């Protein structure tokens, strides 16, 4: 595994000042910048920080190299999906201060939908299935367990929530009401095509892709318009441990929670008596211990190295 670039911090990572760019927005993980002189109003600089979130909180501890893993893995996937769908990447020629964890991207008009594909039943899909026997209105066979493979991958969209709120799973008809029937169907078909390609590549690396969340936009300039309207453009991150559930295939065992390549160690510690944190209380989580930071970083790096076949440096 690659060398660690910094130590875990116990203060929120501030958006760095970057020459030629003006900071405009900070999300849970990413910071956005626009060109200082506004000469190029069609691009935005997207910087992935080392922040980590859990249970709708951004934690006060960072995970070293996490931003670089998310960015480099997204770029790897964008390249392998380029024949299926356009993406928003313009250049990786970014300021030295954020090299390796930033991309210059097209500004898009984003569709207000989290496009989720599920090949296995777990998470919020499992909770909904246990209540209704379906996920976003799609009926499933009875008797499915946590971690079971679905008969076929399904599209289970969600509405985008504000920071601190939960996304809400919705039926395809609701998406059609939001963006139009034709766009909704294209979002569904493209999401499932991306999932199918990614699941196949992940399986070659001994990893199961349980589910993934994608985001799409349209070019407001209309330069990507086709016969069916503006082209869908894949944006934000794609197929990272933050946006997907990756499970080691050799440890897959339906009927229980699966080990995964993500922030499992963080969630487990936060909900353990050792943390002293009451998830139901209106208080922020405590700083993470160094062991949890190191194990989480190792899990992100391992996901990158297993999926890409490349050493993380």
C-alpha atoms as a PDB file:
ATOM      1  CA  UNK A   1       0.000   0.000   0.000  1.00  0.00           C
ATOM      2  CA  UNK A   2       1.081   3.555  -0.614  1.00  0.00           C
ATOM      3  CA  UNK A   3       2.721   5.787   1.914  1.00  0.00           C
ATOM      4  CA  UNK A   4       0.571   7.949   4.166  1.00  0.00           C
ATOM      5  CA  UNK A   5       0.783  11.612   3.280  1.00  0.00           C
ATOM      6  CA  UNK A   6      -0.513  13.178   6.504  1.00  0.00           C
ATOM      7  CA  UNK A   7      -1.629  12.231   9.949  1.00  0.00           C
ATOM      8  CA  UNK A   8      -5.302  12.135  10.930  1.00  0.00           C
ATOM      9  CA  UNK A   9      -6.508  15.567  12.062  1.00  0.00           C
ATOM     10  CA  UNK A  10      -8.984  16.306  14.816  1.00  0.00           C
ATOM     11  CA  UNK A  11     -10.326  19.539  13.354  1.00  0.00           C
ATOM     12  CA  UNK A  12     -12.531  20.062  10.314  1.00  0.00           C
ATOM     13  CA  UNK A  13     -10.416  20.414   7.203  1.00  0.00           C
ATOM     14  CA  UNK A  14     -10.750  23.912   5.800  1.00  0.00           C
ATOM     15  CA  UNK A  15     -11.050  24.541   2.077  1.00  0.00           C
ATOM     16  CA  UNK A  16      -7.569  25.655   0.969  1.00  0.00           C
ATOM     17  CA  UNK A  17      -6.960  28.955  -0.798  1.00  0.00           C
ATOM     18  CA  UNK A  18      -5.950  28.177  -4.379  1.00  0.00           C
ATOM     19  CA  UNK A  19      -4.305  30.582  -6.838  1.00  0.00           C
ATOM     20  CA  UNK A  20      -6.588  31.374  -9.751  1.00  0.00           C
ATOM     21  CA  UNK A  21      -9.673  29.868  -8.097  1.00  0.00           C
ATOM     22  CA  UNK A  22     -12.373  31.193  -5.764  1.00  0.00           C
ATOM     23  CA  UNK A  23     -13.989  28.892  -3.232  1.00  0.00           C
ATOM     24  CA  UNK A  24     -17.782  28.872  -3.559  1.00  0.00           C
ATOM     25  CA  UNK A  25     -19.145  25.829  -1.738  1.00  0.00           C
ATOM     26  CA  UNK A  26     -18.258  23.083   0.726  1.00  0.00           C
ATOM     27  CA  UNK A  27     -20.249  19.874   0.948  1.00  0.00           C
ATOM     28  CA  UNK A  28     -19.766  16.947   3.289  1.00  0.00           C
ATOM     29  CA  UNK A  29     -16.645  15.816   1.452  1.00  0.00           C
ATOM     30  CA  UNK A  30     -16.013  18.101  -1.536  1.00  0.00           C
ATOM     31  CA  UNK A  31     -15.122  21.746  -2.033  1.00  0.00           C
ATOM     32  CA  UNK A  32     -16.031  23.617  -5.206  1.00  0.00           C
ATOM     33  CA  UNK A  33     -14.160  26.511  -6.799  1.00  0.00           C
ATOM     34  CA  UNK A  34     -14.752  28.709  -9.837  1.00  0.00           C
ATOM     35  CA  UNK A  35     -12.127  30.599 -11.863  1.00  0.00           C
ATOM     36  CA  UNK A  36     -11.067  33.841 -10.186  1.00  0.00           C
ATOM     37  CA  UNK A  37     -11.571  36.010 -13.231  1.00  0.00           C
ATOM     38  CA  UNK A  38     -14.853  34.392 -14.338  1.00  0.00           C
ATOM     39  CA  UNK A  39     -13.393  34.175 -17.844  1.00  0.00           C
ATOM     40  CA  UNK A  40     -14.314  30.493 -17.989  1.00  0.00           C
ATOM     41  CA  UNK A  41     -17.771  30.210 -16.487  1.00  0.00           C
ATOM     42  CA  UNK A  42     -18.301  26.709 -17.861  1.00  0.00           C
ATOM     43  CA  UNK A  43     -15.910  24.884 -15.523  1.00  0.00           C
ATOM     44  CA  UNK A  44     -15.601  24.208 -11.818  1.00  0.00           C
ATOM     45  CA  UNK A  45     -12.748  22.820  -9.742  1.00  0.00           C
ATOM     46  CA  UNK A  46     -13.896  19.876  -7.610  1.00  0.00           C
ATOM     47  CA  UNK A  47     -11.618  19.060  -4.663  1.00  0.00           C
ATOM     48  CA  UNK A  48     -12.127  15.930  -2.571  1.00  0.00           C
ATOM     49  CA  UNK A  49     -11.129  16.491   1.048  1.00  0.00           C
ATOM     50  CA  UNK A  50     -10.081  13.869   3.587  1.00  0.00           C
ATOM     51  CA  UNK A  51     -13.249  14.448   5.611  1.00  0.00           C
ATOM     52  CA  UNK A  52     -15.474  11.506   6.438  1.00  0.00           C
ATOM     53  CA  UNK A  53     -19.152  11.438   7.320  1.00  0.00           C
ATOM     54  CA  UNK A  54     -21.277   8.916   9.179  1.00  0.00           C
ATOM     55  CA  UNK A  55     -24.865   8.927  10.387  1.00  0.00           C
ATOM     56  CA  UNK A  56     -25.454  12.309   8.727  1.00  0.00           C
ATOM     57  CA  UNK A  57     -22.565  13.959  10.587  1.00  0.00           C
ATOM     58  CA  UNK A  58     -19.239  15.157   9.207  1.00  0.00           C
ATOM     59  CA  UNK A  59     -16.766  13.839  11.732  1.00  0.00           C
ATOM     60  CA  UNK A  60     -14.126  16.004  13.432  1.00  0.00           C
ATOM     61  CA  UNK A  61     -11.394  13.574  12.332  1.00  0.00           C
ATOM     62  CA  UNK A  62     -10.048  13.206   8.816  1.00  0.00           C
ATOM     63  CA  UNK A  63      -8.801  10.061   7.059  1.00  0.00           C
ATOM     64  CA  UNK A  64      -5.389  10.639   5.441  1.00  0.00           C
ATOM     65  CA  UNK A  65      -5.342  10.185   1.640  1.00  0.00           C
ATOM     66  CA  UNK A  66      -9.087   9.563   1.427  1.00  0.00           C
ATOM     67  CA  UNK A  67      -9.573  12.472  -0.991  1.00  0.00           C
ATOM     68  CA  UNK A  68      -6.876  11.144  -3.301  1.00  0.00           C
ATOM     69  CA  UNK A  69      -8.359   7.637  -3.241  1.00  0.00           C
ATOM     70  CA  UNK A  70     -11.838   8.933  -4.116  1.00  0.00           C
ATOM     71  CA  UNK A  71     -10.538  11.107  -6.950  1.00  0.00           C
ATOM     72  CA  UNK A  72      -8.135   8.591  -8.481  1.00  0.00           C
ATOM     73  CA  UNK A  73     -10.667   5.767  -8.292  1.00  0.00           C
ATOM     74  CA  UNK A  74     -13.363   7.947  -9.880  1.00  0.00           C
ATOM     75  CA  UNK A  75     -11.011   8.839 -12.731  1.00  0.00           C
ATOM     76  CA  UNK A  76     -10.237   5.139 -13.243  1.00  0.00           C
ATOM     77  CA  UNK A  77     -13.939   4.319 -13.480  1.00  0.00           C
ATOM     78  CA  UNK A  78     -14.756   7.312 -15.710  1.00  0.00           C
ATOM     79  CA  UNK A  79     -12.227   5.958 -18.210  1.00  0.00           C
ATOM     80  CA  UNK A  80     -13.767   2.472 -18.166  1.00  0.00           C
ATOM     81  CA  UNK A  81     -17.302   3.778 -18.576  1.00  0.00           C
ATOM     82  CA  UNK A  82     -16.578   6.343 -21.306  1.00  0.00           C
ATOM     83  CA  UNK A  83     -18.189   4.244 -24.053  1.00  0.00           C
ATOM     84  CA  UNK A  84     -21.415   3.997 -22.025  1.00  0.00           C
ATOM     85  CA  UNK A  85     -21.853   7.563 -20.804  1.00  0.00           C
ATOM     86  CA  UNK A  86     -20.133  10.948 -20.988  1.00  0.00           C
ATOM     87  CA  UNK A  87     -18.560  12.323 -17.820  1.00  0.00           C
ATOM     88  CA  UNK A  88     -17.860  15.794 -16.511  1.00  0.00           C
ATOM     89  CA  UNK A  89     -14.042  15.660 -16.357  1.00  0.00           C
ATOM     90  CA  UNK A  90     -12.252  18.327 -18.396  1.00  0.00           C
ATOM     91  CA  UNK A  91      -8.724  18.160 -16.969  1.00  0.00           C
ATOM     92  CA  UNK A  92      -6.609  17.002 -14.046  1.00  0.00           C
ATOM     93  CA  UNK A  93      -4.195  19.907 -14.500  1.00  0.00           C
ATOM     94  CA  UNK A  94      -5.009  21.395 -11.103  1.00  0.00           C
ATOM     95  CA  UNK A  95      -3.157  23.595  -8.581  1.00  0.00           C
ATOM     96  CA  UNK A  96      -0.256  21.814  -6.900  1.00  0.00           C
ATOM     97  CA  UNK A  97      -1.872  22.270  -3.479  1.00  0.00           C
ATOM     98  CA  UNK A  98      -4.634  19.817  -4.435  1.00  0.00           C
ATOM     99  CA  UNK A  99      -2.827  17.630  -6.954  1.00  0.00           C
ATOM    100  CA  UNK A 100      -4.175  14.092  -7.007  1.00  0.00           C
ATOM    101  CA  UNK A 101      -7.444  14.933  -5.297  1.00  0.00           C
ATOM    102  CA  UNK A 102      -9.022  17.438  -7.656  1.00  0.00           C
ATOM    103  CA  UNK A 103     -10.554  17.591 -11.122  1.00  0.00           C
ATOM    104  CA  UNK A 104     -11.548  20.463 -13.390  1.00  0.00           C
ATOM    105  CA  UNK A 105     -15.058  19.622 -14.514  1.00  0.00           C
ATOM    106  CA  UNK A 106     -17.834  20.929 -16.703  1.00  0.00           C
ATOM    107  CA  UNK A 107     -20.506  22.921 -14.941  1.00  0.00           C
ATOM    108  CA  UNK A 108     -23.746  21.020 -15.277  1.00  0.00           C
ATOM    109  CA  UNK A 109     -27.390  21.386 -14.469  1.00  0.00           C
ATOM    110  CA  UNK A 110     -27.724  18.445 -12.109  1.00  0.00           C
ATOM    111  CA  UNK A 111     -30.798  16.244 -12.049  1.00  0.00           C
ATOM    112  CA  UNK A 112     -32.279  16.261  -8.513  1.00  0.00           C
ATOM    113  CA  UNK A 113     -32.150  12.480  -8.251  1.00  0.00           C
ATOM    114  CA  UNK A 114     -29.790  10.020  -6.609  1.00  0.00           C
ATOM    115  CA  UNK A 115     -29.625   7.214  -9.174  1.00  0.00           C
ATOM    116  CA  UNK A 116     -29.179   3.991  -7.214  1.00  0.00           C
ATOM    117  CA  UNK A 117     -28.675   0.531  -8.675  1.00  0.00           C
ATOM    118  CA  UNK A 118     -28.896  -2.507  -6.406  1.00  0.00           C
ATOM    119  CA  UNK A 119     -27.733  -6.015  -7.196  1.00  0.00           C
ATOM    120  CA  UNK A 120     -27.981  -7.231  -3.606  1.00  0.00           C
ATOM    121  CA  UNK A 121     -30.462  -6.543  -0.838  1.00  0.00           C
ATOM    122  CA  UNK A 122     -29.124  -4.540   2.105  1.00  0.00           C
ATOM    123  CA  UNK A 123     -29.264  -1.118   3.740  1.00  0.00           C
ATOM    124  CA  UNK A 124     -32.344   1.033   3.205  1.00  0.00           C
ATOM    125  CA  UNK A 125     -33.515  -1.349   0.483  1.00  0.00           C
ATOM    126  CA  UNK A 126     -33.606  -4.202   2.975  1.00  0.00           C
ATOM    127  CA  UNK A 127     -35.525  -2.085   5.494  1.00  0.00           C
ATOM    128  CA  UNK A 128     -38.112  -1.150   2.866  1.00  0.00           C
ATOM    129  CA  UNK A 129     -38.389  -4.752   1.659  1.00  0.00           C
ATOM    130  CA  UNK A 130     -39.055  -6.000   5.182  1.00  0.00           C
ATOM    131  CA  UNK A 131     -41.923  -3.521   5.486  1.00  0.00           C
ATOM    132  CA  UNK A 132     -43.500  -3.850   2.052  1.00  0.00           C
ATOM    133  CA  UNK A 133     -41.988  -6.801   0.167  1.00  0.00           C
ATOM    134  CA  UNK A 134     -40.762  -4.319  -2.431  1.00  0.00           C
ATOM    135  CA  UNK A 135     -38.115  -1.633  -2.969  1.00  0.00           C
ATOM    136  CA  UNK A 136     -39.324   1.650  -4.507  1.00  0.00           C
ATOM    137  CA  UNK A 137     -42.417  -0.182  -5.695  1.00  0.00           C
ATOM    138  CA  UNK A 138     -40.494  -3.024  -7.346  1.00  0.00           C
ATOM    139  CA  UNK A 139     -41.841  -6.324  -5.899  1.00  0.00           C
ATOM    140  CA  UNK A 140     -39.226  -8.876  -4.853  1.00  0.00           C
ATOM    141  CA  UNK A 141     -39.449 -12.585  -3.999  1.00  0.00           C
ATOM    142  CA  UNK A 142     -40.390 -13.427  -0.426  1.00  0.00           C
ATOM    143  CA  UNK A 143     -37.865 -14.726   2.079  1.00  0.00           C
ATOM    144  CA  UNK A 144     -34.861 -12.662   0.999  1.00  0.00           C
ATOM    145  CA  UNK A 145     -32.172 -12.072   3.626  1.00  0.00           C
ATOM    146  CA  UNK A 146     -29.657  -9.332   4.291  1.00  0.00           C
ATOM    147  CA  UNK A 147     -27.004  -9.652   1.579  1.00  0.00           C
ATOM    148  CA  UNK A 148     -28.971 -11.872  -0.801  1.00  0.00           C
ATOM    149  CA  UNK A 149     -28.368 -11.416  -4.511  1.00  0.00           C
ATOM    150  CA  UNK A 150     -31.422 -10.042  -6.293  1.00  0.00           C
ATOM    151  CA  UNK A 151     -32.916 -11.899  -9.278  1.00  0.00           C
ATOM    152  CA  UNK A 152     -31.682  -8.999 -11.402  1.00  0.00           C
ATOM    153  CA  UNK A 153     -30.286  -5.536 -10.626  1.00  0.00           C
ATOM    154  CA  UNK A 154     -32.935  -2.905  -9.926  1.00  0.00           C
ATOM    155  CA  UNK A 155     -33.079   0.878 -10.187  1.00  0.00           C
ATOM    156  CA  UNK A 156     -34.146   2.386  -6.855  1.00  0.00           C
ATOM    157  CA  UNK A 157     -33.838   6.176  -7.089  1.00  0.00           C
ATOM    158  CA  UNK A 158     -33.889   8.595  -4.178  1.00  0.00           C
ATOM    159  CA  UNK A 159     -34.481  12.286  -3.759  1.00  0.00           C
ATOM    160  CA  UNK A 160     -31.448  14.361  -2.779  1.00  0.00           C
ATOM    161  CA  UNK A 161     -31.585  15.514   0.822  1.00  0.00           C
ATOM    162  CA  UNK A 162     -29.993  18.558   2.391  1.00  0.00           C
ATOM    163  CA  UNK A 163     -26.883  18.038   4.525  1.00  0.00           C
ATOM    164  CA  UNK A 164     -27.966  16.401   7.774  1.00  0.00           C
ATOM    165  CA  UNK A 165     -31.114  14.892   6.266  1.00  0.00           C
ATOM    166  CA  UNK A 166     -31.781  11.429   4.849  1.00  0.00           C
ATOM    167  CA  UNK A 167     -32.307  10.742   1.146  1.00  0.00           C
ATOM    168  CA  UNK A 168     -35.790   9.375   0.474  1.00  0.00           C
ATOM    169  CA  UNK A 169     -36.240   6.314  -1.738  1.00  0.00           C
ATOM    170  CA  UNK A 170     -38.893   6.996  -4.384  1.00  0.00           C
ATOM    171  CA  UNK A 171     -40.583   5.155  -7.237  1.00  0.00           C
ATOM    172  CA  UNK A 172     -39.701   5.738 -10.877  1.00  0.00           C
ATOM    173  CA  UNK A 173     -43.022   7.539 -11.382  1.00  0.00           C
ATOM    174  CA  UNK A 174     -41.918  10.179  -8.872  1.00  0.00           C
ATOM    175  CA  UNK A 175     -38.701  10.704 -10.825  1.00  0.00           C
ATOM    176  CA  UNK A 176     -40.743  11.071 -14.006  1.00  0.00           C
ATOM    177  CA  UNK A 177     -42.791  13.783 -12.311  1.00  0.00           C
ATOM    178  CA  UNK A 178     -39.569  15.590 -11.399  1.00  0.00           C
ATOM    179  CA  UNK A 179     -37.586  15.384 -14.644  1.00  0.00           C
ATOM    180  CA  UNK A 180     -39.976  14.033 -17.292  1.00  0.00           C
ATOM    181  CA  UNK A 181     -40.721  10.490 -18.358  1.00  0.00           C
ATOM    182  CA  UNK A 182     -38.086  10.273 -21.098  1.00  0.00           C
ATOM    183  CA  UNK A 183     -35.259  11.549 -18.872  1.00  0.00           C
ATOM    184  CA  UNK A 184     -36.373   9.277 -16.022  1.00  0.00           C
ATOM    185  CA  UNK A 185     -36.213   6.235 -18.276  1.00  0.00           C
ATOM    186  CA  UNK A 186     -32.794   7.258 -19.591  1.00  0.00           C
ATOM    187  CA  UNK A 187     -31.537   7.692 -16.028  1.00  0.00           C
ATOM    188  CA  UNK A 188     -32.795   4.208 -15.175  1.00  0.00           C
ATOM    189  CA  UNK A 189     -31.310   2.541 -18.246  1.00  0.00           C
ATOM    190  CA  UNK A 190     -27.934   4.296 -17.964  1.00  0.00           C
ATOM    191  CA  UNK A 191     -27.641   3.616 -14.226  1.00  0.00           C
ATOM    192  CA  UNK A 192     -28.270  -0.107 -14.762  1.00  0.00           C
ATOM    193  CA  UNK A 193     -25.799  -0.210 -17.669  1.00  0.00           C
ATOM    194  CA  UNK A 194     -23.116   1.397 -15.500  1.00  0.00           C
ATOM    195  CA  UNK A 195     -23.892  -1.030 -12.668  1.00  0.00           C
ATOM    196  CA  UNK A 196     -23.644  -4.032 -14.991  1.00  0.00           C
ATOM    197  CA  UNK A 197     -20.251  -2.929 -16.363  1.00  0.00           C
ATOM    198  CA  UNK A 198     -18.898  -2.079 -12.906  1.00  0.00           C
ATOM    199  CA  UNK A 199     -20.163  -5.278 -11.279  1.00  0.00           C
ATOM    200  CA  UNK A 200     -18.428  -7.329 -13.957  1.00  0.00           C
ATOM    201  CA  UNK A 201     -15.109  -5.504 -13.536  1.00  0.00           C
ATOM    202  CA  UNK A 202     -15.352  -5.680  -9.735  1.00  0.00           C
ATOM    203  CA  UNK A 203     -16.072  -9.413  -9.863  1.00  0.00           C
ATOM    204  CA  UNK A 204     -12.859  -9.886 -11.847  1.00  0.00           C
ATOM    205  CA  UNK A 205     -11.086  -8.367  -8.824  1.00  0.00           C
ATOM    206  CA  UNK A 206     -12.874 -10.654  -6.347  1.00  0.00           C
ATOM    207  CA  UNK A 207     -15.274  -7.937  -5.197  1.00  0.00           C
ATOM    208  CA  UNK A 208     -19.076  -7.861  -5.197  1.00  0.00           C
ATOM    209  CA  UNK A 209     -20.751  -4.552  -6.027  1.00  0.00           C
ATOM    210  CA  UNK A 210     -23.812  -4.657  -3.791  1.00  0.00           C
ATOM    211  CA  UNK A 211     -25.158  -1.255  -4.831  1.00  0.00           C
ATOM    212  CA  UNK A 212     -24.017   2.122  -6.051  1.00  0.00           C
ATOM    213  CA  UNK A 213     -25.266   5.696  -6.220  1.00  0.00           C
ATOM    214  CA  UNK A 214     -24.709   7.819  -9.328  1.00  0.00           C
ATOM    215  CA  UNK A 215     -25.419  11.438 -10.181  1.00  0.00           C
ATOM    216  CA  UNK A 216     -26.099  12.837 -13.622  1.00  0.00           C
ATOM    217  CA  UNK A 217     -26.396  16.285 -15.127  1.00  0.00           C
ATOM    218  CA  UNK A 218     -26.954  18.015 -18.436  1.00  0.00           C
ATOM    219  CA  UNK A 219     -24.764  20.583 -20.161  1.00  0.00           C
ATOM    220  CA  UNK A 220     -26.679  23.893 -19.926  1.00  0.00           C
ATOM    221  CA  UNK A 221     -24.995  25.033 -23.141  1.00  0.00           C
ATOM    222  CA  UNK A 222     -26.628  22.130 -24.948  1.00  0.00           C
ATOM    223  CA  UNK A 223     -23.364  21.088 -26.588  1.00  0.00           C
ATOM    224  CA  UNK A 224     -24.141  17.437 -25.839  1.00  0.00           C
ATOM    225  CA  UNK A 225     -27.716  17.479 -27.081  1.00  0.00           C
ATOM    226  CA  UNK A 226     -28.906  14.559 -29.195  1.00  0.00           C
ATOM    227  CA  UNK A 227     -32.125  13.330 -30.730  1.00  0.00           C
ATOM    228  CA  UNK A 228     -33.466  12.428 -27.281  1.00  0.00           C
ATOM    229  CA  UNK A 229     -32.527  15.768 -25.737  1.00  0.00           C
ATOM    230  CA  UNK A 230     -29.452  16.736 -23.680  1.00  0.00           C
ATOM    231  CA  UNK A 231     -27.035  13.881 -23.130  1.00  0.00           C
ATOM    232  CA  UNK A 232     -26.775  12.445 -19.645  1.00  0.00           C
ATOM    233  CA  UNK A 233     -23.394  13.334 -18.156  1.00  0.00           C
ATOM    234  CA  UNK A 234     -22.014  11.318 -15.261  1.00  0.00           C
ATOM    235  CA  UNK A 235     -20.781  13.659 -12.539  1.00  0.00           C
ATOM    236  CA  UNK A 236     -19.422  13.945  -9.006  1.00  0.00           C
ATOM    237  CA  UNK A 237     -17.693  10.748  -7.874  1.00  0.00           C
ATOM    238  CA  UNK A 238     -18.378   7.327  -9.307  1.00  0.00           C
ATOM    239  CA  UNK A 239     -18.069   3.821  -7.861  1.00  0.00           C
ATOM    240  CA  UNK A 240     -16.001   4.751  -4.818  1.00  0.00           C
ATOM    241  CA  UNK A 241     -16.309   3.294  -1.310  1.00  0.00           C
ATOM    242  CA  UNK A 242     -18.232   6.463  -0.366  1.00  0.00           C
ATOM    243  CA  UNK A 243     -20.880   5.975  -3.051  1.00  0.00           C
ATOM    244  CA  UNK A 244     -20.982   2.182  -3.293  1.00  0.00           C
ATOM    245  CA  UNK A 245     -21.044  -0.966  -1.202  1.00  0.00           C
ATOM    246  CA  UNK A 246     -18.123  -3.179  -2.174  1.00  0.00           C
ATOM    247  CA  UNK A 247     -17.949  -6.598  -0.498  1.00  0.00           C
ATOM    248  CA  UNK A 248     -15.079  -9.127  -0.630  1.00  0.00           C
ATOM    249  CA  UNK A 249     -16.557 -12.009  -2.638  1.00  0.00           C
ATOM    250  CA  UNK A 250     -14.801 -14.685  -0.610  1.00  0.00           C
ATOM    251  CA  UNK A 251     -16.457 -13.465   2.599  1.00  0.00           C
ATOM    252  CA  UNK A 252     -19.978 -13.018   1.250  1.00  0.00           C
ATOM    253  CA  UNK A 253     -22.479 -14.784   3.478  1.00  0.00           C
ATOM    254  CA  UNK A 254     -26.157 -13.819   3.103  1.00  0.00           C
ATOM    255  CA  UNK A 255     -28.164 -13.595   6.289  1.00  0.00           C
ATOM    256  CA  UNK A 256     -25.852 -11.189   8.079  1.00  0.00           C
ATOM    257  CA  UNK A 257     -24.169  -7.830   7.645  1.00  0.00           C
ATOM    258  CA  UNK A 258     -21.317  -8.132   5.134  1.00  0.00           C
ATOM    259  CA  UNK A 259     -17.764  -6.861   5.628  1.00  0.00           C
ATOM    260  CA  UNK A 260     -17.229  -3.977   3.230  1.00  0.00           C
ATOM    261  CA  UNK A 261     -14.618  -1.661   1.757  1.00  0.00           C
ATOM    262  CA  UNK A 262     -15.859   1.579   3.261  1.00  0.00           C
ATOM    263  CA  UNK A 263     -16.300   3.321   6.608  1.00  0.00           C
ATOM    264  CA  UNK A 264     -17.391   0.169   8.412  1.00  0.00           C
ATOM    265  CA  UNK A 265     -14.768   0.635  11.141  1.00  0.00           C
ATOM    266  CA  UNK A 266     -15.975   4.198  11.724  1.00  0.00           C
ATOM    267  CA  UNK A 267     -19.632   3.172  12.046  1.00  0.00           C
ATOM    268  CA  UNK A 268     -18.772   0.231  14.289  1.00  0.00           C
ATOM    269  CA  UNK A 269     -16.716   2.380  16.656  1.00  0.00           C
ATOM    270  CA  UNK A 270     -19.259   5.204  16.810  1.00  0.00           C
ATOM    271  CA  UNK A 271     -22.017   2.783  17.827  1.00  0.00           C
ATOM    272  CA  UNK A 272     -19.836   0.924  20.339  1.00  0.00           C
ATOM    273  CA  UNK A 273     -19.854   1.703  24.078  1.00  0.00           C
ATOM    274  CA  UNK A 274     -16.210   2.749  23.749  1.00  0.00           C
ATOM    275  CA  UNK A 275     -17.107   5.909  21.818  1.00  0.00           C
ATOM    276  CA  UNK A 276     -19.530   7.137  24.474  1.00  0.00           C
ATOM    277  CA  UNK A 277     -21.627   8.718  21.704  1.00  0.00           C
ATOM    278  CA  UNK A 278     -25.404   8.637  21.800  1.00  0.00           C
ATOM    279  CA  UNK A 279     -26.527   8.505  18.188  1.00  0.00           C
ATOM    280  CA  UNK A 280     -30.045   9.575  19.165  1.00  0.00           C
ATOM    281  CA  UNK A 281     -28.832  12.676  20.986  1.00  0.00           C
ATOM    282  CA  UNK A 282     -28.404  16.007  19.250  1.00  0.00           C
ATOM    283  CA  UNK A 283     -24.642  16.132  19.762  1.00  0.00           C
ATOM    284  CA  UNK A 284     -21.803  15.711  17.233  1.00  0.00           C
ATOM    285  CA  UNK A 285     -19.723  12.523  17.258  1.00  0.00           C
ATOM    286  CA  UNK A 286     -16.389  12.473  19.108  1.00  0.00           C
ATOM    287  CA  UNK A 287     -12.968  12.362  17.404  1.00  0.00           C
ATOM    288  CA  UNK A 288     -11.920   8.965  16.089  1.00  0.00           C
ATOM    289  CA  UNK A 289      -9.082   7.051  17.747  1.00  0.00           C
ATOM    290  CA  UNK A 290      -5.925   6.618  15.708  1.00  0.00           C
ATOM    291  CA  UNK A 291      -6.467   2.874  15.244  1.00  0.00           C
ATOM    292  CA  UNK A 292      -9.847   3.473  13.595  1.00  0.00           C
ATOM    293  CA  UNK A 293      -8.311   6.166  11.373  1.00  0.00           C
ATOM    294  CA  UNK A 294      -5.508   3.823  10.242  1.00  0.00           C
ATOM    295  CA  UNK A 295      -7.799   0.845   9.622  1.00  0.00           C
ATOM    296  CA  UNK A 296     -10.251   2.973   7.678  1.00  0.00           C
ATOM    297  CA  UNK A 297      -7.514   4.426   5.507  1.00  0.00           C
ATOM    298  CA  UNK A 298      -6.195   0.919   4.846  1.00  0.00           C
ATOM    299  CA  UNK A 299      -9.659  -0.248   3.778  1.00  0.00           C
ATOM    300  CA  UNK A 300     -10.045   2.619   1.272  1.00  0.00           C
ATOM    301  CA  UNK A 301      -6.576   2.017  -0.154  1.00  0.00           C
ATOM    302  CA  UNK A 302      -7.224  -1.719  -0.409  1.00  0.00           C
ATOM    303  CA  UNK A 303     -10.413  -1.072  -2.386  1.00  0.00           C
ATOM    304  CA  UNK A 304      -8.480   1.120  -4.817  1.00  0.00           C
ATOM    305  CA  UNK A 305      -5.665  -1.379  -5.255  1.00  0.00           C
ATOM    306  CA  UNK A 306      -7.890  -4.425  -5.667  1.00  0.00           C
ATOM    307  CA  UNK A 307     -10.233  -2.765  -8.151  1.00  0.00           C
ATOM    308  CA  UNK A 308      -7.580  -1.088 -10.298  1.00  0.00           C
ATOM    309  CA  UNK A 309      -4.756  -3.596  -9.949  1.00  0.00           C
ATOM    310  CA  UNK A 310      -2.450  -0.635  -9.295  1.00  0.00           C
ATOM    311  CA  UNK A 311      -0.435   0.342  -6.230  1.00  0.00           C
ATOM    312  CA  UNK A 312      -1.662   3.470  -4.453  1.00  0.00           C
ATOM    313  CA  UNK A 313       1.244   5.914  -4.165  1.00  0.00           C
END
